[in-house]
PDB file of N, CA and C in Angstrom:
ATOM      1  N   MET A   1     273.608 134.029 -42.830  1.00  0.00           N
ATOM      2  CA  MET A   1     273.931 133.477 -44.125  1.00  0.00           C
ATOM      3  C   MET A   1     273.427 134.382 -45.257  1.00  0.00           C
ATOM      4  N   ALA A   2     272.296 135.017 -45.013  1.00  0.00           N
ATOM      5  CA  ALA A   2     271.737 135.902 -46.031  1.00  0.00           C
ATOM      6  C   ALA A   2     272.662 137.087 -46.281  1.00  0.00           C
ATOM      7  N   THR A   3     273.315 137.569 -45.219  1.00  0.00           N
ATOM      8  CA  THR A   3     274.242 138.691 -45.360  1.00  0.00           C
ATOM      9  C   THR A   3     275.429 138.304 -46.228  1.00  0.00           C
ATOM     10  N   LEU A   4     275.946 137.108 -46.001  1.00  0.00           N
ATOM     11  CA  LEU A   4     277.080 136.633 -46.792  1.00  0.00           C
ATOM     12  C   LEU A   4     276.699 136.474 -48.258  1.00  0.00           C
ATOM     13  N   THR A   5     275.518 135.971 -48.517  1.00  0.00           N
ATOM     14  CA  THR A   5     275.046 135.814 -49.896  1.00  0.00           C
ATOM     15  C   THR A   5     274.906 137.172 -50.574  1.00  0.00           C
ATOM     16  N   THR A   6     274.372 138.143 -49.847  1.00  0.00           N
ATOM     17  CA  THR A   6     274.213 139.496 -50.386  1.00  0.00           C
ATOM     18  C   THR A   6     275.564 140.130 -50.682  1.00  0.00           C
ATOM     19  N   LEU A   7     276.499 139.999 -49.735  1.00  0.00           N
ATOM     20  CA  LEU A   7     277.835 140.563 -49.940  1.00  0.00           C
ATOM     21  C   LEU A   7     278.548 139.913 -51.123  1.00  0.00           C
ATOM     22  N   THR A   8     278.420 138.616 -51.260  1.00  0.00           N
ATOM     23  CA  THR A   8     279.043 137.911 -52.376  1.00  0.00           C
ATOM     24  C   THR A   8     278.487 138.403 -53.706  1.00  0.00           C
ATOM     25  N   ALA A   9     277.193 138.600 -53.770  1.00  0.00           N
ATOM     26  CA  ALA A   9     276.569 139.103 -54.999  1.00  0.00           C
ATOM     27  C   ALA A   9     277.041 140.520 -55.312  1.00  0.00           C
ATOM     28  N   GLN A  10     277.163 141.357 -54.288  1.00  0.00           N
ATOM     29  CA  GLN A  10     277.631 142.728 -54.505  1.00  0.00           C
ATOM     30  C   GLN A  10     279.088 142.752 -54.954  1.00  0.00           C
ATOM     31  N   ILE A  11     279.913 141.891 -54.376  1.00  0.00           N
ATOM     32  CA  ILE A  11     281.321 141.820 -54.789  1.00  0.00           C
ATOM     33  C   ILE A  11     281.431 141.401 -56.242  1.00  0.00           C
ATOM     34  N   LYS A  12     280.658 140.415 -56.648  1.00  0.00           N
ATOM     35  CA  LYS A  12     280.689 139.965 -58.044  1.00  0.00           C
ATOM     36  C   LYS A  12     280.239 141.069 -58.995  1.00  0.00           C
ATOM     37  N   ALA A  13     279.216 141.831 -58.583  1.00  0.00           N
ATOM     38  CA  ALA A  13     278.737 142.930 -59.418  1.00  0.00           C
ATOM     39  C   ALA A  13     279.801 144.019 -59.552  1.00  0.00           C
ATOM     40  N   LEU A  14     280.468 144.357 -58.435  1.00  0.00           N
ATOM     41  CA  LEU A  14     281.525 145.368 -58.478  1.00  0.00           C
ATOM     42  C   LEU A  14     282.704 144.899 -59.329  1.00  0.00           C
ATOM     43  N   GLU A  15     283.080 143.627 -59.203  1.00  0.00           N
ATOM     44  CA  GLU A  15     284.174 143.100 -60.017  1.00  0.00           C
ATOM     45  C   GLU A  15     283.826 143.140 -61.498  1.00  0.00           C
ATOM     46  N   ALA A  16     282.577 142.883 -61.839  1.00  0.00           N
ATOM     47  CA  ALA A  16     282.148 142.967 -63.240  1.00  0.00           C
ATOM     48  C   ALA A  16     282.226 144.404 -63.741  1.00  0.00           C
ATOM     49  N   ASP A  17     281.833 145.363 -62.908  1.00  0.00           N
ATOM     50  CA  ASP A  17     281.930 146.779 -63.286  1.00  0.00           C
ATOM     51  C   ASP A  17     283.391 147.194 -63.463  1.00  0.00           C
ATOM     52  N   ILE A  18     284.257 146.747 -62.559  1.00  0.00           N
ATOM     53  CA  ILE A  18     285.683 147.065 -62.651  1.00  0.00           C
ATOM     54  C   ILE A  18     286.259 146.489 -63.934  1.00  0.00           C
ATOM     55  N   ALA A  19     285.909 145.252 -64.249  1.00  0.00           N
ATOM     56  CA  ALA A  19     286.409 144.607 -65.465  1.00  0.00           C
ATOM     57  C   ALA A  19     285.951 145.356 -66.719  1.00  0.00           C
ATOM     58  N   ALA A  20     284.716 145.819 -66.721  1.00  0.00           N
ATOM     59  CA  ALA A  20     284.202 146.562 -67.872  1.00  0.00           C
ATOM     60  C   ALA A  20     284.938 147.896 -68.045  1.00  0.00           C
ATOM     61  N   GLN A  21     285.157 148.605 -66.933  1.00  0.00           N
ATOM     62  CA  GLN A  21     285.865 149.885 -67.004  1.00  0.00           C
ATOM     63  C   GLN A  21     287.319 149.689 -67.428  1.00  0.00           C
ATOM     64  N   LEU A  22     287.960 148.654 -66.915  1.00  0.00           N
ATOM     65  CA  LEU A  22     289.343 148.375 -67.278  1.00  0.00           C
ATOM     66  C   LEU A  22     289.449 148.035 -68.760  1.00  0.00           C
ATOM     67  N   ALA A  23     288.538 147.217 -69.247  1.00  0.00           N
ATOM     68  CA  ALA A  23     288.566 146.822 -70.669  1.00  0.00           C
ATOM     69  C   ALA A  23     288.399 148.025 -71.593  1.00  0.00           C
ATOM     70  N   ALA A  24     287.715 149.053 -71.130  1.00  0.00           N
ATOM     71  CA  ALA A  24     287.488 150.238 -71.952  1.00  0.00           C
ATOM     72  C   ALA A  24     288.699 151.168 -72.000  1.00  0.00           C
ATOM     73  N   HIS A  25     289.665 150.968 -71.116  1.00  0.00           N
ATOM     74  CA  HIS A  25     290.826 151.857 -71.058  1.00  0.00           C
ATOM     75  C   HIS A  25     291.867 151.435 -72.094  1.00  0.00           C
ATOM     76  N   PRO A  26     292.474 152.392 -72.805  1.00  0.00           N
ATOM     77  CA  PRO A  26     293.452 152.038 -73.852  1.00  0.00           C
ATOM     78  C   PRO A  26     294.732 151.376 -73.318  1.00  0.00           C
ATOM     79  N   ASP A  27     295.056 151.547 -72.053  1.00  0.00           N
ATOM     80  CA  ASP A  27     296.262 150.937 -71.487  1.00  0.00           C
ATOM     81  C   ASP A  27     295.975 149.632 -70.741  1.00  0.00           C
ATOM     82  N   ALA A  28     294.784 149.108 -70.855  1.00  0.00           N
ATOM     83  CA  ALA A  28     294.412 147.898 -70.110  1.00  0.00           C
ATOM     84  C   ALA A  28     295.345 146.737 -70.422  1.00  0.00           C
ATOM     85  N   HIS A  29     295.754 146.601 -71.669  1.00  0.00           N
ATOM     86  CA  HIS A  29     296.618 145.468 -72.041  1.00  0.00           C
ATOM     87  C   HIS A  29     297.967 145.513 -71.326  1.00  0.00           C
ATOM     88  N   ILE A  30     298.441 146.697 -71.021  1.00  0.00           N
ATOM     89  CA  ILE A  30     299.718 146.833 -70.316  1.00  0.00           C
ATOM     90  C   ILE A  30     299.579 146.316 -68.886  1.00  0.00           C
ATOM     91  N   PHE A  31     298.551 146.750 -68.199  1.00  0.00           N
ATOM     92  CA  PHE A  31     298.394 146.411 -66.790  1.00  0.00           C
ATOM     93  C   PHE A  31     297.938 144.977 -66.579  1.00  0.00           C
ATOM     94  N   THR A  32     297.152 144.442 -67.485  1.00  0.00           N
ATOM     95  CA  THR A  32     296.724 143.051 -67.332  1.00  0.00           C
ATOM     96  C   THR A  32     297.831 142.076 -67.714  1.00  0.00           C
ATOM     97  N   SER A  33     298.872 142.547 -68.401  1.00  0.00           N
ATOM     98  CA  SER A  33     299.966 141.661 -68.773  1.00  0.00           C
ATOM     99  C   SER A  33     301.025 141.541 -67.676  1.00  0.00           C
ATOM    100  N   LEU A  34     300.926 142.350 -66.629  1.00  0.00           N
ATOM    101  CA  LEU A  34     301.889 142.270 -65.533  1.00  0.00           C
ATOM    102  C   LEU A  34     301.727 140.951 -64.787  1.00  0.00           C
ATOM    103  N   PRO A  35     302.830 140.385 -64.311  1.00  0.00           N
ATOM    104  CA  PRO A  35     302.729 139.133 -63.543  1.00  0.00           C
ATOM    105  C   PRO A  35     301.866 139.303 -62.299  1.00  0.00           C
ATOM    106  N   ARG A  36     301.068 138.311 -62.017  1.00  0.00           N
ATOM    107  CA  ARG A  36     300.188 138.274 -60.840  1.00  0.00           C
ATOM    108  C   ARG A  36     299.168 139.397 -60.813  1.00  0.00           C
ATOM    109  N   ALA A  37     298.879 140.003 -61.953  1.00  0.00           N
ATOM    110  CA  ALA A  37     297.906 141.088 -61.984  1.00  0.00           C
ATOM    111  C   ALA A  37     296.583 140.558 -62.520  1.00  0.00           C
ATOM    112  N   GLY A  38     295.667 140.320 -61.623  1.00  0.00           N
ATOM    113  CA  GLY A  38     294.315 139.969 -62.037  1.00  0.00           C
ATOM    114  C   GLY A  38     293.580 141.238 -62.446  1.00  0.00           C
ATOM    115  N   ILE A  39     292.314 141.115 -62.695  1.00  0.00           N
ATOM    116  CA  ILE A  39     291.524 142.264 -63.154  1.00  0.00           C
ATOM    117  C   ILE A  39     291.499 143.372 -62.100  1.00  0.00           C
ATOM    118  N   VAL A  40     291.210 143.021 -60.870  1.00  0.00           N
ATOM    119  CA  VAL A  40     291.080 144.043 -59.823  1.00  0.00           C
ATOM    120  C   VAL A  40     292.426 144.698 -59.539  1.00  0.00           C
ATOM    121  N   ARG A  41     293.501 143.906 -59.448  1.00  0.00           N
ATOM    122  CA  ARG A  41     294.819 144.491 -59.192  1.00  0.00           C
ATOM    123  C   ARG A  41     295.266 145.362 -60.368  1.00  0.00           C
ATOM    124  N   ALA A  42     295.032 144.911 -61.588  1.00  0.00           N
ATOM    125  CA  ALA A  42     295.412 145.709 -62.755  1.00  0.00           C
ATOM    126  C   ALA A  42     294.665 147.045 -62.759  1.00  0.00           C
ATOM    127  N   ALA A  43     293.394 147.017 -62.424  1.00  0.00           N
ATOM    128  CA  ALA A  43     292.609 148.257 -62.372  1.00  0.00           C
ATOM    129  C   ALA A  43     293.123 149.179 -61.270  1.00  0.00           C
ATOM    130  N   ARG A  44     293.482 148.593 -60.136  1.00  0.00           N
ATOM    131  CA  ARG A  44     294.018 149.406 -59.044  1.00  0.00           C
ATOM    132  C   ARG A  44     295.347 150.052 -59.427  1.00  0.00           C
ATOM    133  N   LEU A  45     296.213 149.286 -60.075  1.00  0.00           N
ATOM    134  CA  LEU A  45     297.497 149.839 -60.518  1.00  0.00           C
ATOM    135  C   LEU A  45     297.290 150.961 -61.526  1.00  0.00           C
ATOM    136  N   LEU A  46     296.360 150.767 -62.435  1.00  0.00           N
ATOM    137  CA  LEU A  46     296.063 151.803 -63.424  1.00  0.00           C
ATOM    138  C   LEU A  46     295.542 153.059 -62.739  1.00  0.00           C
ATOM    139  N   ALA A  47     294.684 152.883 -61.755  1.00  0.00           N
ATOM    140  CA  ALA A  47     294.145 154.046 -61.033  1.00  0.00           C
ATOM    141  C   ALA A  47     295.239 154.757 -60.247  1.00  0.00           C
ATOM    142  N   GLU A  48     296.149 153.990 -59.650  1.00  0.00           N
ATOM    143  CA  GLU A  48     297.215 154.603 -58.855  1.00  0.00           C
ATOM    144  C   GLU A  48     298.254 155.311 -59.705  1.00  0.00           C
ATOM    145  N   THR A  49     298.558 154.781 -60.877  1.00  0.00           N
ATOM    146  CA  THR A  49     299.576 155.407 -61.716  1.00  0.00           C
ATOM    147  C   THR A  49     299.023 156.553 -62.538  1.00  0.00           C
ATOM    148  N   GLY A  50     297.759 156.522 -62.861  1.00  0.00           N
ATOM    149  CA  GLY A  50     297.145 157.603 -63.608  1.00  0.00           C
ATOM    150  C   GLY A  50     297.536 157.587 -65.083  1.00  0.00           C
ATOM    151  N   ASP A  51     297.212 158.657 -65.760  1.00  0.00           N
ATOM    152  CA  ASP A  51     297.453 158.760 -67.190  1.00  0.00           C
ATOM    153  C   ASP A  51     298.720 159.524 -67.543  1.00  0.00           C
ATOM    154  N   CYS A  52     299.510 159.913 -66.573  1.00  0.00           N
ATOM    155  CA  CYS A  52     300.727 160.678 -66.833  1.00  0.00           C
ATOM    156  C   CYS A  52     301.851 159.734 -67.233  1.00  0.00           C
ATOM    157  N   ARG A  53     301.997 159.504 -68.517  1.00  0.00           N
ATOM    158  CA  ARG A  53     302.999 158.553 -69.012  1.00  0.00           C
ATOM    159  C   ARG A  53     304.431 159.043 -68.792  1.00  0.00           C
ATOM    160  N   ALA A  54     304.621 160.312 -68.578  1.00  0.00           N
ATOM    161  CA  ALA A  54     305.976 160.843 -68.357  1.00  0.00           C
ATOM    162  C   ALA A  54     306.573 160.332 -67.041  1.00  0.00           C
ATOM    163  N   ARG A  55     305.725 159.969 -66.098  1.00  0.00           N
ATOM    164  CA  ARG A  55     306.228 159.434 -64.820  1.00  0.00           C
ATOM    165  C   ARG A  55     306.901 158.082 -64.997  1.00  0.00           C
ATOM    166  N   PHE A  56     306.483 157.327 -65.997  1.00  0.00           N
ATOM    167  CA  PHE A  56     306.996 155.983 -66.232  1.00  0.00           C
ATOM    168  C   PHE A  56     307.400 155.841 -67.692  1.00  0.00           C
ATOM    169  N   PRO A  57     308.590 156.324 -68.053  1.00  0.00           N
ATOM    170  CA  PRO A  57     308.994 156.332 -69.461  1.00  0.00           C
ATOM    171  C   PRO A  57     309.326 154.946 -70.025  1.00  0.00           C
ATOM    172  N   ASP A  58     309.621 153.971 -69.156  1.00  0.00           N
ATOM    173  CA  ASP A  58     309.944 152.629 -69.640  1.00  0.00           C
ATOM    174  C   ASP A  58     309.330 151.598 -68.692  1.00  0.00           C
ATOM    175  N   PRO A  59     309.266 150.338 -69.118  1.00  0.00           N
ATOM    176  CA  PRO A  59     308.638 149.317 -68.272  1.00  0.00           C
ATOM    177  C   PRO A  59     309.302 149.147 -66.902  1.00  0.00           C
ATOM    178  N   GLU A  60     310.615 149.313 -66.834  1.00  0.00           N
ATOM    179  CA  GLU A  60     311.324 149.126 -65.574  1.00  0.00           C
ATOM    180  C   GLU A  60     310.900 150.162 -64.530  1.00  0.00           C
ATOM    181  N   SER A  61     310.622 151.378 -64.971  1.00  0.00           N
ATOM    182  CA  SER A  61     310.232 152.417 -64.022  1.00  0.00           C
ATOM    183  C   SER A  61     308.835 152.161 -63.442  1.00  0.00           C
ATOM    184  N   LEU A  62     308.021 151.416 -64.135  1.00  0.00           N
ATOM    185  CA  LEU A  62     306.690 151.067 -63.635  1.00  0.00           C
ATOM    186  C   LEU A  62     306.712 149.775 -62.822  1.00  0.00           C
ATOM    187  N   ALA A  63     307.641 148.887 -63.109  1.00  0.00           N
ATOM    188  CA  ALA A  63     307.671 147.577 -62.460  1.00  0.00           C
ATOM    189  C   ALA A  63     307.874 147.683 -60.950  1.00  0.00           C
ATOM    190  N   GLY A  64     308.712 148.611 -60.503  1.00  0.00           N
ATOM    191  CA  GLY A  64     308.947 148.771 -59.065  1.00  0.00           C
ATOM    192  C   GLY A  64     307.691 149.151 -58.301  1.00  0.00           C
ATOM    193  N   PRO A  65     307.039 150.252 -58.637  1.00  0.00           N
ATOM    194  CA  PRO A  65     305.814 150.622 -57.930  1.00  0.00           C
ATOM    195  C   PRO A  65     304.683 149.600 -58.118  1.00  0.00           C
ATOM    196  N   ALA A  66     304.726 148.851 -59.211  1.00  0.00           N
ATOM    197  CA  ALA A  66     303.684 147.848 -59.448  1.00  0.00           C
ATOM    198  C   ALA A  66     303.899 146.604 -58.603  1.00  0.00           C
ATOM    199  N   GLY A  67     305.089 146.470 -58.017  1.00  0.00           N
ATOM    200  CA  GLY A  67     305.346 145.343 -57.134  1.00  0.00           C
ATOM    201  C   GLY A  67     305.727 144.062 -57.837  1.00  0.00           C
ATOM    202  N   VAL A  68     306.318 144.150 -59.018  1.00  0.00           N
ATOM    203  CA  VAL A  68     306.672 142.935 -59.761  1.00  0.00           C
ATOM    204  C   VAL A  68     308.176 142.760 -59.924  1.00  0.00           C
ATOM    205  N   THR A  69     308.961 143.546 -59.203  1.00  0.00           N
ATOM    206  CA  THR A  69     310.410 143.396 -59.270  1.00  0.00           C
ATOM    207  C   THR A  69     310.911 142.659 -58.035  1.00  0.00           C
ATOM    208  N   PRO A  70     311.994 141.909 -58.162  1.00  0.00           N
ATOM    209  CA  PRO A  70     312.532 141.217 -56.994  1.00  0.00           C
ATOM    210  C   PRO A  70     313.098 142.199 -55.971  1.00  0.00           C
ATOM    211  N   VAL A  71     312.947 141.839 -54.707  1.00  0.00           N
ATOM    212  CA  VAL A  71     313.440 142.666 -53.619  1.00  0.00           C
ATOM    213  C   VAL A  71     314.382 141.808 -52.776  1.00  0.00           C
ATOM    214  N   THR A  72     315.583 142.301 -52.534  1.00  0.00           N
ATOM    215  CA  THR A  72     316.549 141.587 -51.706  1.00  0.00           C
ATOM    216  C   THR A  72     316.493 142.137 -50.290  1.00  0.00           C
ATOM    217  N   ARG A  73     316.343 141.225 -49.336  1.00  0.00           N
ATOM    218  CA  ARG A  73     316.332 141.614 -47.920  1.00  0.00           C
ATOM    219  C   ARG A  73     317.524 140.954 -47.240  1.00  0.00           C
ATOM    220  N   ARG A  74     318.255 141.740 -46.457  1.00  0.00           N
ATOM    221  CA  ARG A  74     319.418 141.222 -45.749  1.00  0.00           C
ATOM    222  C   ARG A  74     319.291 141.529 -44.271  1.00  0.00           C
ATOM    223  N   SER A  75     319.626 140.541 -43.468  1.00  0.00           N
ATOM    224  CA  SER A  75     319.639 140.708 -42.025  1.00  0.00           C
ATOM    225  C   SER A  75     320.781 139.863 -41.488  1.00  0.00           C
ATOM    226  N   GLY A  76     321.834 140.508 -41.087  1.00  0.00           N
ATOM    227  CA  GLY A  76     323.001 139.767 -40.614  1.00  0.00           C
ATOM    228  C   GLY A  76     323.602 138.963 -41.739  1.00  0.00           C
ATOM    229  N   LYS A  77     323.651 137.665 -41.563  1.00  0.00           N
ATOM    230  CA  LYS A  77     324.193 136.786 -42.597  1.00  0.00           C
ATOM    231  C   LYS A  77     323.116 136.196 -43.507  1.00  0.00           C
ATOM    232  N   HIS A  78     321.869 136.482 -43.223  1.00  0.00           N
ATOM    233  CA  HIS A  78     320.756 135.909 -43.990  1.00  0.00           C
ATOM    234  C   HIS A  78     320.336 136.861 -45.116  1.00  0.00           C
ATOM    235  N   THR A  79     320.218 136.330 -46.309  1.00  0.00           N
ATOM    236  CA  THR A  79     319.743 137.096 -47.462  1.00  0.00           C
ATOM    237  C   THR A  79     318.582 136.350 -48.100  1.00  0.00           C
ATOM    238  N   SER A  80     317.512 137.065 -48.401  1.00  0.00           N
ATOM    239  CA  SER A  80     316.387 136.449 -49.099  1.00  0.00           C
ATOM    240  C   SER A  80     315.916 137.376 -50.212  1.00  0.00           C
ATOM    241  N   VAL A  81     315.418 136.760 -51.262  1.00  0.00           N
ATOM    242  CA  VAL A  81     314.900 137.516 -52.401  1.00  0.00           C
ATOM    243  C   VAL A  81     313.453 137.125 -52.579  1.00  0.00           C
ATOM    244  N   GLY A  82     312.606 138.134 -52.690  1.00  0.00           N
ATOM    245  CA  GLY A  82     311.182 137.893 -52.876  1.00  0.00           C
ATOM    246  C   GLY A  82     310.585 138.983 -53.725  1.00  0.00           C
ATOM    247  N   VAL A  83     309.270 138.929 -53.861  1.00  0.00           N
ATOM    248  CA  VAL A  83     308.528 139.941 -54.624  1.00  0.00           C
ATOM    249  C   VAL A  83     307.566 140.597 -53.665  1.00  0.00           C
ATOM    250  N   ARG A  84     307.470 141.904 -53.729  1.00  0.00           N
ATOM    251  CA  ARG A  84     306.548 142.631 -52.848  1.00  0.00           C
ATOM    252  C   ARG A  84     305.132 142.348 -53.244  1.00  0.00           C
TER     253      ARG A  84
END
């Protein structure tokens, strides 16, 4: 039980550090406004996309890699739409 308590405390501390670093970034408002993007996911997306704005000239070009666009899956006669 002591191990679980220690791990929980460390996770909370890391999440607080991530939130502080994300808040300091000038593009934080963009990534935190994405659907289903909590603090940790928004920070991860920001880290993965980097600061090269030329790679993503418009919101649609970022939405796909960010996982917030609908995806259609077809198999035979069955079609389903979901979000990655």
